[in-house]
Amino acid sequence: MDDERISAEELEALLQADVKALAARMAKAINGATAGRIIDESEEPVRDAHAEFRQHAYQKALDLLQDKALEEAFSPSQDPTRTEVGQ
């Protein structure tokens, strides 16, 4: 899509480490739970891990958007003689 501000691929690249950390926290919570009480003992730590991931992922998406906007606004590769007002 031409009107995309950020792409899924860009965001995916930024989130790879976070996804791995989320998977590790989930596995640790599930593996640390007592047999027969896996859901009871792991549900809250997994939910907390997801909440933290969601917050970090959204912040990274917003940061990417902001960085791209700043890059476009102040790009040294833009022709300094060309202005949008003059067009």
PDB file of N, CA and C in Angstrom:
ATOM      1  N   MET A   1       0.836  -1.184   0.000  1.00  0.00           N
ATOM      2  CA  MET A   1       0.000   0.000   0.000  1.00  0.00           C
ATOM      3  C   MET A   1       0.877   1.242   0.000  1.00  0.00           C
ATOM      4  N   ASP A   2       0.547   2.190  -0.859  1.00  0.00           N
ATOM      5  CA  ASP A   2       1.343   3.398  -0.952  1.00  0.00           C
ATOM      6  C   ASP A   2       1.112   4.352   0.210  1.00  0.00           C
ATOM      7  N   ASP A   3      -0.043   4.287   0.849  1.00  0.00           N
ATOM      8  CA  ASP A   3      -0.353   5.219   1.919  1.00  0.00           C
ATOM      9  C   ASP A   3       0.055   4.712   3.302  1.00  0.00           C
ATOM     10  N   GLU A   4       0.803   3.622   3.368  1.00  0.00           N
ATOM     11  CA  GLU A   4       1.263   3.111   4.663  1.00  0.00           C
ATOM     12  C   GLU A   4       2.309   4.050   5.257  1.00  0.00           C
ATOM     13  N   ARG A   5       2.150   4.335   6.515  1.00  0.00           N
ATOM     14  CA  ARG A   5       3.146   5.155   7.210  1.00  0.00           C
ATOM     15  C   ARG A   5       4.271   4.274   7.734  1.00  0.00           C
ATOM     16  N   ILE A   6       3.884   3.118   8.248  1.00  0.00           N
ATOM     17  CA  ILE A   6       4.867   2.113   8.655  1.00  0.00           C
ATOM     18  C   ILE A   6       4.395   0.784   8.069  1.00  0.00           C
ATOM     19  N   SER A   7       5.330  -0.112   7.864  1.00  0.00           N
ATOM     20  CA  SER A   7       4.938  -1.405   7.307  1.00  0.00           C
ATOM     21  C   SER A   7       4.992  -2.479   8.387  1.00  0.00           C
ATOM     22  N   ALA A   8       4.253  -3.528   8.153  1.00  0.00           N
ATOM     23  CA  ALA A   8       4.268  -4.664   9.070  1.00  0.00           C
ATOM     24  C   ALA A   8       5.666  -5.259   9.146  1.00  0.00           C
ATOM     25  N   GLU A   9       6.372  -5.266   8.028  1.00  0.00           N
ATOM     26  CA  GLU A   9       7.722  -5.830   7.994  1.00  0.00           C
ATOM     27  C   GLU A   9       8.684  -5.028   8.871  1.00  0.00           C
ATOM     28  N   GLU A  10       8.569  -3.701   8.822  1.00  0.00           N
ATOM     29  CA  GLU A  10       9.420  -2.849   9.665  1.00  0.00           C
ATOM     30  C   GLU A  10       9.128  -3.113  11.146  1.00  0.00           C
ATOM     31  N   LEU A  11       7.862  -3.186  11.468  1.00  0.00           N
ATOM     32  CA  LEU A  11       7.469  -3.413  12.853  1.00  0.00           C
ATOM     33  C   LEU A  11       7.872  -4.801  13.319  1.00  0.00           C
ATOM     34  N   GLU A  12       7.712  -5.783  12.459  1.00  0.00           N
ATOM     35  CA  GLU A  12       8.108  -7.148  12.795  1.00  0.00           C
ATOM     36  C   GLU A  12       9.599  -7.219  13.108  1.00  0.00           C
ATOM     37  N   ALA A  13      10.404  -6.526  12.332  1.00  0.00           N
ATOM     38  CA  ALA A  13      11.847  -6.524  12.575  1.00  0.00           C
ATOM     39  C   ALA A  13      12.176  -5.910  13.941  1.00  0.00           C
ATOM     40  N   LEU A  14      11.454  -4.854  14.299  1.00  0.00           N
ATOM     41  CA  LEU A  14      11.688  -4.211  15.595  1.00  0.00           C
ATOM     42  C   LEU A  14      11.231  -5.078  16.769  1.00  0.00           C
ATOM     43  N   LEU A  15      10.239  -5.933  16.531  1.00  0.00           N
ATOM     44  CA  LEU A  15       9.633  -6.695  17.621  1.00  0.00           C
ATOM     45  C   LEU A  15      10.183  -8.106  17.786  1.00  0.00           C
ATOM     46  N   GLN A  16      11.123  -8.520  16.953  1.00  0.00           N
ATOM     47  CA  GLN A  16      11.626  -9.889  17.027  1.00  0.00           C
ATOM     48  C   GLN A  16      12.146 -10.245  18.413  1.00  0.00           C
ATOM     49  N   ALA A  17      12.947  -9.392  18.983  1.00  0.00           N
ATOM     50  CA  ALA A  17      13.499  -9.673  20.314  1.00  0.00           C
ATOM     51  C   ALA A  17      12.399  -9.703  21.369  1.00  0.00           C
ATOM     52  N   ASP A  18      11.415  -8.829  21.223  1.00  0.00           N
ATOM     53  CA  ASP A  18      10.310  -8.796  22.185  1.00  0.00           C
ATOM     54  C   ASP A  18       9.454 -10.056  22.105  1.00  0.00           C
ATOM     55  N   VAL A  19       9.249 -10.564  20.895  1.00  0.00           N
ATOM     56  CA  VAL A  19       8.479 -11.799  20.726  1.00  0.00           C
ATOM     57  C   VAL A  19       9.220 -12.967  21.377  1.00  0.00           C
ATOM     58  N   LYS A  20      10.533 -13.014  21.187  1.00  0.00           N
ATOM     59  CA  LYS A  20      11.329 -14.079  21.814  1.00  0.00           C
ATOM     60  C   LYS A  20      11.258 -13.986  23.335  1.00  0.00           C
ATOM     61  N   ALA A  21      11.325 -12.767  23.851  1.00  0.00           N
ATOM     62  CA  ALA A  21      11.248 -12.582  25.307  1.00  0.00           C
ATOM     63  C   ALA A  21       9.869 -12.991  25.825  1.00  0.00           C
ATOM     64  N   LEU A  22       8.825 -12.670  25.079  1.00  0.00           N
ATOM     65  CA  LEU A  22       7.468 -13.069  25.463  1.00  0.00           C
ATOM     66  C   LEU A  22       7.347 -14.588  25.487  1.00  0.00           C
ATOM     67  N   ALA A  23       7.853 -15.242  24.463  1.00  0.00           N
ATOM     68  CA  ALA A  23       7.791 -16.703  24.409  1.00  0.00           C
ATOM     69  C   ALA A  23       8.554 -17.319  25.579  1.00  0.00           C
ATOM     70  N   ALA A  24       9.699 -16.746  25.915  1.00  0.00           N
ATOM     71  CA  ALA A  24      10.490 -17.259  27.033  1.00  0.00           C
ATOM     72  C   ALA A  24       9.743 -17.099  28.355  1.00  0.00           C
ATOM     73  N   ARG A  25       9.097 -15.954  28.544  1.00  0.00           N
ATOM     74  CA  ARG A  25       8.339 -15.738  29.779  1.00  0.00           C
ATOM     75  C   ARG A  25       7.138 -16.671  29.871  1.00  0.00           C
ATOM     76  N   MET A  26       6.479 -16.904  28.739  1.00  0.00           N
ATOM     77  CA  MET A  26       5.345 -17.831  28.726  1.00  0.00           C
ATOM     78  C   MET A  26       5.788 -19.245  29.056  1.00  0.00           C
ATOM     79  N   ALA A  27       6.873 -19.681  28.428  1.00  0.00           N
ATOM     80  CA  ALA A  27       7.383 -21.029  28.675  1.00  0.00           C
ATOM     81  C   ALA A  27       7.804 -21.187  30.132  1.00  0.00           C
ATOM     82  N   LYS A  28       8.458 -20.166  30.677  1.00  0.00           N
ATOM     83  CA  LYS A  28       8.894 -20.229  32.078  1.00  0.00           C
ATOM     84  C   LYS A  28       7.695 -20.340  33.015  1.00  0.00           C
ATOM     85  N   ALA A  29       6.648 -19.559  32.743  1.00  0.00           N
ATOM     86  CA  ALA A  29       5.452 -19.601  33.593  1.00  0.00           C
ATOM     87  C   ALA A  29       4.774 -20.962  33.520  1.00  0.00           C
ATOM     88  N   ILE A  30       4.641 -21.496  32.321  1.00  0.00           N
ATOM     89  CA  ILE A  30       3.972 -22.787  32.154  1.00  0.00           C
ATOM     90  C   ILE A  30       4.814 -23.918  32.728  1.00  0.00           C
ATOM     91  N   ASN A  31       6.111 -23.885  32.458  1.00  0.00           N
ATOM     92  CA  ASN A  31       6.993 -24.943  32.969  1.00  0.00           C
ATOM     93  C   ASN A  31       7.162 -24.885  34.480  1.00  0.00           C
ATOM     94  N   GLY A  32       6.991 -23.693  35.056  1.00  0.00           N
ATOM     95  CA  GLY A  32       7.135 -23.547  36.500  1.00  0.00           C
ATOM     96  C   GLY A  32       5.887 -23.903  37.283  1.00  0.00           C
ATOM     97  N   ALA A  33       4.812 -24.120  36.575  1.00  0.00           N
ATOM     98  CA  ALA A  33       3.548 -24.440  37.245  1.00  0.00           C
ATOM     99  C   ALA A  33       3.509 -25.916  37.636  1.00  0.00           C
ATOM    100  N   THR A  34       2.823 -26.169  38.714  1.00  0.00           N
ATOM    101  CA  THR A  34       2.648 -27.535  39.212  1.00  0.00           C
ATOM    102  C   THR A  34       1.714 -28.310  38.286  1.00  0.00           C
ATOM    103  N   ALA A  35       2.053 -29.567  38.049  1.00  0.00           N
ATOM    104  CA  ALA A  35       1.177 -30.422  37.240  1.00  0.00           C
ATOM    105  C   ALA A  35      -0.215 -30.431  37.854  1.00  0.00           C
ATOM    106  N   GLY A  36      -1.218 -30.285  37.025  1.00  0.00           N
ATOM    107  CA  GLY A  36      -2.596 -30.249  37.516  1.00  0.00           C
ATOM    108  C   GLY A  36      -3.053 -28.849  37.878  1.00  0.00           C
ATOM    109  N   ARG A  37      -2.138 -27.885  37.929  1.00  0.00           N
ATOM    110  CA  ARG A  37      -2.488 -26.503  38.270  1.00  0.00           C
ATOM    111  C   ARG A  37      -1.862 -25.530  37.265  1.00  0.00           C
ATOM    112  N   ILE A  38      -1.609 -26.019  36.058  1.00  0.00           N
ATOM    113  CA  ILE A  38      -0.900 -25.211  35.067  1.00  0.00           C
ATOM    114  C   ILE A  38      -1.663 -23.924  34.746  1.00  0.00           C
ATOM    115  N   ILE A  39      -2.944 -24.040  34.475  1.00  0.00           N
ATOM    116  CA  ILE A  39      -3.709 -22.840  34.135  1.00  0.00           C
ATOM    117  C   ILE A  39      -3.762 -21.892  35.331  1.00  0.00           C
ATOM    118  N   ASP A  40      -4.078 -22.413  36.483  1.00  0.00           N
ATOM    119  CA  ASP A  40      -4.199 -21.586  37.684  1.00  0.00           C
ATOM    120  C   ASP A  40      -2.900 -20.848  38.008  1.00  0.00           C
ATOM    121  N   GLU A  41      -1.787 -21.528  37.889  1.00  0.00           N
ATOM    122  CA  GLU A  41      -0.505 -20.948  38.302  1.00  0.00           C
ATOM    123  C   GLU A  41       0.210 -20.159  37.200  1.00  0.00           C
ATOM    124  N   SER A  42      -0.158 -20.383  35.949  1.00  0.00           N
ATOM    125  CA  SER A  42       0.561 -19.695  34.870  1.00  0.00           C
ATOM    126  C   SER A  42      -0.257 -18.609  34.176  1.00  0.00           C
ATOM    127  N   GLU A  43      -1.551 -18.615  34.352  1.00  0.00           N
ATOM    128  CA  GLU A  43      -2.402 -17.680  33.609  1.00  0.00           C
ATOM    129  C   GLU A  43      -2.050 -16.217  33.893  1.00  0.00           C
ATOM    130  N   GLU A  44      -1.905 -15.854  35.149  1.00  0.00           N
ATOM    131  CA  GLU A  44      -1.618 -14.464  35.482  1.00  0.00           C
ATOM    132  C   GLU A  44      -0.231 -14.021  35.012  1.00  0.00           C
ATOM    133  N   PRO A  45       0.834 -14.810  35.222  1.00  0.00           N
ATOM    134  CA  PRO A  45       2.134 -14.391  34.691  1.00  0.00           C
ATOM    135  C   PRO A  45       2.140 -14.268  33.161  1.00  0.00           C
ATOM    136  N   VAL A  46       1.420 -15.141  32.474  1.00  0.00           N
ATOM    137  CA  VAL A  46       1.345 -15.053  31.012  1.00  0.00           C
ATOM    138  C   VAL A  46       0.565 -13.812  30.603  1.00  0.00           C
ATOM    139  N   ARG A  47      -0.514 -13.529  31.289  1.00  0.00           N
ATOM    140  CA  ARG A  47      -1.303 -12.322  30.996  1.00  0.00           C
ATOM    141  C   ARG A  47      -0.466 -11.065  31.230  1.00  0.00           C
ATOM    142  N   ASP A  48       0.307 -11.049  32.311  1.00  0.00           N
ATOM    143  CA  ASP A  48       1.186  -9.909  32.590  1.00  0.00           C
ATOM    144  C   ASP A  48       2.249  -9.745  31.504  1.00  0.00           C
ATOM    145  N   ALA A  49       2.808 -10.858  31.052  1.00  0.00           N
ATOM    146  CA  ALA A  49       3.817 -10.816  29.992  1.00  0.00           C
ATOM    147  C   ALA A  49       3.221 -10.259  28.710  1.00  0.00           C
ATOM    148  N   HIS A  50       1.996 -10.670  28.393  1.00  0.00           N
ATOM    149  CA  HIS A  50       1.324 -10.155  27.198  1.00  0.00           C
ATOM    150  C   HIS A  50       1.035  -8.662  27.326  1.00  0.00           C
ATOM    151  N   ALA A  51       0.627  -8.234  28.499  1.00  0.00           N
ATOM    152  CA  ALA A  51       0.333  -6.813  28.706  1.00  0.00           C
ATOM    153  C   ALA A  51       1.586  -5.973  28.515  1.00  0.00           C
ATOM    154  N   GLU A  52       2.694  -6.443  29.053  1.00  0.00           N
ATOM    155  CA  GLU A  52       3.955  -5.719  28.899  1.00  0.00           C
ATOM    156  C   GLU A  52       4.390  -5.715  27.436  1.00  0.00           C
ATOM    157  N   PHE A  53       4.246  -6.854  26.762  1.00  0.00           N
ATOM    158  CA  PHE A  53       4.582  -6.935  25.342  1.00  0.00           C
ATOM    159  C   PHE A  53       3.724  -5.961  24.541  1.00  0.00           C
ATOM    160  N   ARG A  54       2.432  -5.955  24.802  1.00  0.00           N
ATOM    161  CA  ARG A  54       1.505  -5.088  24.069  1.00  0.00           C
ATOM    162  C   ARG A  54       1.897  -3.624  24.230  1.00  0.00           C
ATOM    163  N   GLN A  55       2.238  -3.233  25.452  1.00  0.00           N
ATOM    164  CA  GLN A  55       2.625  -1.850  25.723  1.00  0.00           C
ATOM    165  C   GLN A  55       3.916  -1.496  24.984  1.00  0.00           C
ATOM    166  N   HIS A  56       4.911  -2.373  25.059  1.00  0.00           N
ATOM    167  CA  HIS A  56       6.192  -2.123  24.389  1.00  0.00           C
ATOM    168  C   HIS A  56       6.021  -2.114  22.864  1.00  0.00           C
ATOM    169  N   ALA A  57       5.216  -3.029  22.355  1.00  0.00           N
ATOM    170  CA  ALA A  57       5.009  -3.109  20.906  1.00  0.00           C
ATOM    171  C   ALA A  57       4.335  -1.844  20.393  1.00  0.00           C
ATOM    172  N   TYR A  58       3.342  -1.379  21.091  1.00  0.00           N
ATOM    173  CA  TYR A  58       2.645  -0.165  20.663  1.00  0.00           C
ATOM    174  C   TYR A  58       3.576   1.038  20.722  1.00  0.00           C
ATOM    175  N   GLN A  59       4.380   1.114  21.778  1.00  0.00           N
ATOM    176  CA  GLN A  59       5.322   2.225  21.906  1.00  0.00           C
ATOM    177  C   GLN A  59       6.349   2.193  20.782  1.00  0.00           C
ATOM    178  N   LYS A  60       6.829   0.997  20.444  1.00  0.00           N
ATOM    179  CA  LYS A  60       7.793   0.879  19.346  1.00  0.00           C
ATOM    180  C   LYS A  60       7.161   1.268  18.013  1.00  0.00           C
ATOM    181  N   ALA A  61       5.900   0.925  17.818  1.00  0.00           N
ATOM    182  CA  ALA A  61       5.204   1.306  16.590  1.00  0.00           C
ATOM    183  C   ALA A  61       5.072   2.832  16.503  1.00  0.00           C
ATOM    184  N   LEU A  62       4.717   3.451  17.608  1.00  0.00           N
ATOM    185  CA  LEU A  62       4.607   4.911  17.622  1.00  0.00           C
ATOM    186  C   LEU A  62       5.960   5.572  17.414  1.00  0.00           C
ATOM    187  N   ASP A  63       7.000   5.024  18.034  1.00  0.00           N
ATOM    188  CA  ASP A  63       8.356   5.562  17.850  1.00  0.00           C
ATOM    189  C   ASP A  63       8.800   5.440  16.398  1.00  0.00           C
ATOM    190  N   LEU A  64       8.490   4.305  15.765  1.00  0.00           N
ATOM    191  CA  LEU A  64       8.832   4.111  14.357  1.00  0.00           C
ATOM    192  C   LEU A  64       8.116   5.138  13.498  1.00  0.00           C
ATOM    193  N   LEU A  65       6.855   5.347  13.760  1.00  0.00           N
ATOM    194  CA  LEU A  65       6.088   6.336  13.018  1.00  0.00           C
ATOM    195  C   LEU A  65       6.692   7.733  13.181  1.00  0.00           C
ATOM    196  N   GLN A  66       7.034   8.084  14.394  1.00  0.00           N
ATOM    197  CA  GLN A  66       7.620   9.394  14.668  1.00  0.00           C
ATOM    198  C   GLN A  66       8.984   9.533  13.988  1.00  0.00           C
ATOM    199  N   ASP A  67       9.811   8.503  14.082  1.00  0.00           N
ATOM    200  CA  ASP A  67      11.131   8.545  13.452  1.00  0.00           C
ATOM    201  C   ASP A  67      11.016   8.721  11.944  1.00  0.00           C
ATOM    202  N   LYS A  68      10.068   8.016  11.336  1.00  0.00           N
ATOM    203  CA  LYS A  68       9.888   8.124   9.887  1.00  0.00           C
ATOM    204  C   LYS A  68       9.378   9.510   9.510  1.00  0.00           C
ATOM    205  N   ALA A  69       8.497  10.064  10.310  1.00  0.00           N
ATOM    206  CA  ALA A  69       7.977  11.407  10.026  1.00  0.00           C
ATOM    207  C   ALA A  69       9.094  12.436  10.129  1.00  0.00           C
ATOM    208  N   LEU A  70       9.937  12.306  11.145  1.00  0.00           N
ATOM    209  CA  LEU A  70      11.056  13.233  11.297  1.00  0.00           C
ATOM    210  C   LEU A  70      12.062  13.070  10.163  1.00  0.00           C
ATOM    211  N   GLU A  71      12.306  11.833   9.777  1.00  0.00           N
ATOM    212  CA  GLU A  71      13.243  11.558   8.694  1.00  0.00           C
ATOM    213  C   GLU A  71      12.752  12.195   7.387  1.00  0.00           C
ATOM    214  N   GLU A  72      11.462  12.071   7.112  1.00  0.00           N
ATOM    215  CA  GLU A  72      10.907  12.664   5.904  1.00  0.00           C
ATOM    216  C   GLU A  72      10.925  14.184   5.964  1.00  0.00           C
ATOM    217  N   ALA A  73      10.671  14.748   7.140  1.00  0.00           N
ATOM    218  CA  ALA A  73      10.604  16.193   7.285  1.00  0.00           C
ATOM    219  C   ALA A  73      11.978  16.848   7.162  1.00  0.00           C
ATOM    220  N   PHE A  74      13.016  16.134   7.582  1.00  0.00           N
ATOM    221  CA  PHE A  74      14.349  16.718   7.607  1.00  0.00           C
ATOM    222  C   PHE A  74      15.349  15.938   6.777  1.00  0.00           C
ATOM    223  N   SER A  75      14.874  15.258   5.783  1.00  0.00           N
ATOM    224  CA  SER A  75      15.754  14.431   4.971  1.00  0.00           C
ATOM    225  C   SER A  75      16.731  15.294   4.186  1.00  0.00           C
ATOM    226  N   PRO A  76      18.040  15.031   4.321  1.00  0.00           N
ATOM    227  CA  PRO A  76      19.020  15.800   3.555  1.00  0.00           C
ATOM    228  C   PRO A  76      18.970  15.461   2.065  1.00  0.00           C
ATOM    229  N   SER A  77      18.288  14.386   1.715  1.00  0.00           N
ATOM    230  CA  SER A  77      18.209  13.999   0.311  1.00  0.00           C
ATOM    231  C   SER A  77      17.129  14.764  -0.442  1.00  0.00           C
ATOM    232  N   GLN A  78      16.284  15.482   0.284  1.00  0.00           N
ATOM    233  CA  GLN A  78      15.254  16.260  -0.388  1.00  0.00           C
ATOM    234  C   GLN A  78      15.890  17.455  -1.091  1.00  0.00           C
ATOM    235  N   ASP A  79      15.319  17.819  -2.219  1.00  0.00           N
ATOM    236  CA  ASP A  79      15.798  18.965  -2.986  1.00  0.00           C
ATOM    237  C   ASP A  79      15.439  20.237  -2.227  1.00  0.00           C
ATOM    238  N   PRO A  80      16.441  20.984  -1.735  1.00  0.00           N
ATOM    239  CA  PRO A  80      16.147  22.172  -0.919  1.00  0.00           C
ATOM    240  C   PRO A  80      15.501  23.297  -1.714  1.00  0.00           C
ATOM    241  N   THR A  81      15.567  23.260  -3.034  1.00  0.00           N
ATOM    242  CA  THR A  81      14.966  24.322  -3.838  1.00  0.00           C
ATOM    243  C   THR A  81      13.497  24.061  -4.105  1.00  0.00           C
ATOM    244  N   ARG A  82      13.057  22.869  -3.823  1.00  0.00           N
ATOM    245  CA  ARG A  82      11.670  22.489  -4.098  1.00  0.00           C
ATOM    246  C   ARG A  82      10.852  22.592  -2.821  1.00  0.00           C
ATOM    247  N   THR A  83       9.817  23.348  -2.840  1.00  0.00           N
ATOM    248  CA  THR A  83       8.942  23.457  -1.675  1.00  0.00           C
ATOM    249  C   THR A  83       7.536  23.067  -2.056  1.00  0.00           C
ATOM    250  N   GLU A  84       6.829  22.562  -1.116  1.00  0.00           N
ATOM    251  CA  GLU A  84       5.448  22.161  -1.382  1.00  0.00           C
ATOM    252  C   GLU A  84       4.568  23.387  -1.554  1.00  0.00           C
ATOM    253  N   VAL A  85       4.931  24.486  -0.916  1.00  0.00           N
ATOM    254  CA  VAL A  85       4.141  25.705  -1.019  1.00  0.00           C
ATOM    255  C   VAL A  85       4.235  26.248  -2.442  1.00  0.00           C
ATOM    256  N   GLY A  86       5.404  26.145  -3.032  1.00  0.00           N
ATOM    257  CA  GLY A  86       5.622  26.676  -4.365  1.00  0.00           C
ATOM    258  C   GLY A  86       4.989  25.855  -5.451  1.00  0.00           C
ATOM    259  N   GLN A  87       4.560  24.656  -5.157  1.00  0.00           N
ATOM    260  CA  GLN A  87       3.978  23.792  -6.188  1.00  0.00           C
ATOM    261  C   GLN A  87       2.525  24.066  -6.415  1.00  0.00           C
TER     262      GLN A  87
END
